[in-house]
C-alpha cells in the first residue's frame, strides 16, 4: 500500500501485501495482508503551546 513505513530490521514474506498507511515493525508472513495502524486519539481542549519570544 501507499505511504507505508518499514522499521528495520523486518523481513517481508514473499507474495505478501502491506496495507496503505501501515507502520510495519515485525516480520510479515508469506502471502498475508499485514496492516498496522494505531488507534486514533482525540484530546479535547488541547491548545498549541505558545512560542517563546
N, C-alpha and C. Protein backbone atom coordinates (compact mmCIF):
# COMPACT_ATOMS: atom_id res chain seq x y z
N UNK A 1 0.81 -1.19 0.00
CA UNK A 1 0.00 0.00 0.00
C UNK A 1 0.86 1.26 0.00
N UNK A 2 0.24 2.37 -0.23
CA UNK A 2 0.98 3.64 -0.28
C UNK A 2 1.21 4.20 1.12
N UNK A 3 2.21 5.06 1.24
CA UNK A 3 2.54 5.76 2.48
C UNK A 3 2.82 4.80 3.64
N UNK A 4 3.58 3.73 3.35
CA UNK A 4 3.94 2.75 4.38
C UNK A 4 5.32 3.06 4.95
N UNK A 5 5.55 2.63 6.18
CA UNK A 5 6.85 2.79 6.84
C UNK A 5 7.30 1.41 7.30
N UNK A 6 8.54 1.04 6.96
CA UNK A 6 9.14 -0.21 7.44
C UNK A 6 10.21 0.17 8.44
N UNK A 7 10.07 -0.32 9.68
CA UNK A 7 11.04 -0.01 10.73
C UNK A 7 12.00 -1.20 10.82
N UNK A 8 13.22 -1.00 10.31
CA UNK A 8 14.21 -2.07 10.23
C UNK A 8 14.64 -2.51 11.61
N UNK A 9 15.01 -3.77 11.78
CA UNK A 9 15.05 -4.81 10.74
C UNK A 9 13.72 -5.57 10.67
N UNK A 10 13.16 -5.68 9.49
CA UNK A 10 11.97 -6.51 9.27
C UNK A 10 12.16 -7.29 7.99
N UNK A 11 11.50 -8.43 7.90
CA UNK A 11 11.50 -9.25 6.69
C UNK A 11 10.07 -9.37 6.22
N UNK A 12 9.84 -9.06 4.94
CA UNK A 12 8.51 -9.17 4.35
C UNK A 12 8.41 -10.50 3.64
N UNK A 13 7.41 -11.29 3.99
CA UNK A 13 7.22 -12.61 3.38
C UNK A 13 6.85 -12.49 1.91
N UNK A 14 7.31 -13.45 1.11
CA UNK A 14 7.05 -13.46 -0.34
C UNK A 14 5.56 -13.43 -0.63
N UNK A 15 5.16 -12.58 -1.58
CA UNK A 15 3.77 -12.52 -2.01
C UNK A 15 2.84 -11.83 -1.04
N UNK A 16 3.38 -11.24 0.01
CA UNK A 16 2.56 -10.54 0.99
C UNK A 16 2.20 -9.14 0.53
N UNK A 17 1.23 -8.53 1.19
CA UNK A 17 0.78 -7.17 0.89
C UNK A 17 0.77 -6.37 2.18
N UNK A 18 1.21 -5.12 2.09
CA UNK A 18 1.19 -4.21 3.23
C UNK A 18 0.04 -3.23 3.01
N UNK A 19 -0.83 -3.08 3.99
CA UNK A 19 -1.95 -2.15 3.90
C UNK A 19 -1.48 -0.70 3.88
N UNK A 20 -2.13 0.14 3.09
CA UNK A 20 -1.76 1.55 2.98
C UNK A 20 -1.72 2.24 4.33
N UNK A 21 -0.70 3.08 4.54
CA UNK A 21 -0.57 3.85 5.76
C UNK A 21 -0.06 3.07 6.95
N UNK A 22 0.36 1.82 6.74
CA UNK A 22 0.82 0.98 7.85
C UNK A 22 2.26 1.28 8.24
N UNK A 23 2.56 1.12 9.52
CA UNK A 23 3.93 1.15 10.02
C UNK A 23 4.25 -0.27 10.47
N UNK A 24 5.12 -0.93 9.73
CA UNK A 24 5.44 -2.34 9.98
C UNK A 24 6.69 -2.43 10.84
N UNK A 25 6.55 -3.08 12.01
CA UNK A 25 7.67 -3.18 12.96
C UNK A 25 8.08 -4.62 13.23
N UNK A 26 7.33 -5.58 12.70
CA UNK A 26 7.63 -7.01 12.89
C UNK A 26 7.61 -7.71 11.54
N UNK A 27 8.29 -8.86 11.46
CA UNK A 27 8.30 -9.64 10.22
C UNK A 27 6.87 -9.99 9.81
N UNK A 28 6.64 -10.06 8.48
CA UNK A 28 5.32 -10.41 7.97
C UNK A 28 5.38 -11.78 7.30
N UNK A 29 4.34 -12.60 7.44
CA UNK A 29 4.36 -13.94 6.85
C UNK A 29 4.10 -13.91 5.34
N UNK A 30 4.56 -14.93 4.63
CA UNK A 30 4.32 -15.01 3.19
C UNK A 30 2.82 -15.06 2.88
N UNK A 31 2.42 -14.35 1.82
CA UNK A 31 1.05 -14.40 1.34
C UNK A 31 0.01 -13.72 2.21
N UNK A 32 0.44 -13.00 3.24
CA UNK A 32 -0.51 -12.38 4.17
C UNK A 32 -0.70 -10.90 3.88
N UNK A 33 -1.86 -10.37 4.28
CA UNK A 33 -2.09 -8.93 4.29
C UNK A 33 -1.71 -8.45 5.68
N UNK A 34 -0.75 -7.53 5.76
CA UNK A 34 -0.30 -7.01 7.05
C UNK A 34 -0.71 -5.55 7.17
N UNK A 35 -1.45 -5.24 8.24
CA UNK A 35 -1.94 -3.88 8.47
C UNK A 35 -1.57 -3.50 9.90
N UNK A 36 -0.98 -2.34 10.08
CA UNK A 36 -0.60 -1.89 11.42
C UNK A 36 -0.90 -0.40 11.52
N UNK A 37 -1.91 -0.08 12.28
CA UNK A 37 -2.29 1.32 12.48
C UNK A 37 -2.64 1.52 13.94
N UNK A 38 -2.21 2.64 14.47
CA UNK A 38 -2.55 2.96 15.86
C UNK A 38 -3.98 3.48 15.95
N UNK A 39 -4.56 3.32 17.12
CA UNK A 39 -5.91 3.81 17.36
C UNK A 39 -5.89 5.34 17.41
N UNK A 40 -6.86 5.98 16.77
CA UNK A 40 -6.94 7.44 16.78
C UNK A 40 -7.28 7.92 18.17
N UNK A 41 -6.59 8.98 18.58
CA UNK A 41 -6.84 9.60 19.89
C UNK A 41 -7.14 11.07 19.67
N UNK A 42 -8.22 11.57 20.26
CA UNK A 42 -8.56 12.99 20.21
C UNK A 42 -8.48 13.54 21.63
N UNK A 43 -7.81 14.68 21.79
CA UNK A 43 -7.63 15.27 23.11
C UNK A 43 -8.47 16.54 23.19
N UNK A 44 -9.61 16.49 23.90
CA UNK A 44 -10.47 17.67 23.99
C UNK A 44 -9.78 18.81 24.73
N UNK A 45 -10.00 20.03 24.28
CA UNK A 45 -9.48 21.21 24.95
C UNK A 45 -8.00 21.47 24.73
N UNK A 46 -7.35 20.69 23.87
CA UNK A 46 -5.92 20.88 23.63
C UNK A 46 -5.69 22.19 22.89
N UNK A 47 -4.62 22.89 23.26
CA UNK A 47 -4.25 24.10 22.51
C UNK A 47 -2.76 24.06 22.23
N UNK A 48 -2.39 24.64 21.12
CA UNK A 48 -0.99 24.67 20.70
C UNK A 48 -0.18 25.49 21.70
N UNK A 49 1.00 25.02 22.13
CA UNK A 49 1.83 25.79 23.07
C UNK A 49 2.25 27.13 22.45
N UNK A 50 2.33 28.15 23.29
CA UNK A 50 2.76 29.47 22.82
C UNK A 50 4.25 29.44 22.50
N UNK A 51 4.63 30.15 21.43
CA UNK A 51 6.04 30.22 21.05
C UNK A 51 6.79 31.11 22.04
N UNK A 52 8.02 30.70 22.37
CA UNK A 52 8.84 31.52 23.25
C UNK A 52 9.38 32.70 22.46
N UNK A 53 9.40 33.87 23.09
CA UNK A 53 9.87 35.08 22.41
C UNK A 53 11.31 35.35 22.72
